[in-house]
């Protein structure tokens, strides 16, 4: 876990929770990665518990932030960030998995349907 250094401009660029508008404390924001003037930051709101993932870019003319609310924890984001690249084959496999019936994906037999006896319209009227 790498906390933001005190006095850091990155936290100023993402200073409030986007859901409840509570001000973030420096200890709530952690740097996932850093390259030159760009940081990937994860922050968790102490009031509402929501998490924000933000890409913060600081330059000579000022700073810019692109963020999103997420349900991923810091550890989840770190695991995905360090993970391998997604290949074209991975995407095709996921797509095919979503198209297939659940029983086929889980390699189980679908439940057997009970046969229903056909009731004629005439027998319904008689009842």
Foldseek 3Di string as FASTA:
>chain_A
DAFDDPPDCQCVQVQADPPPRHGFDSRQKGFLDDDDQWTWIWGADPPPGWIKTWIKGADPVGIDIDMDIDPDDSVRVSCVVPDDDQDPVNVVVVVVLVVDPPCVNVVHDDDDDDDDDDDDPVNVVVD
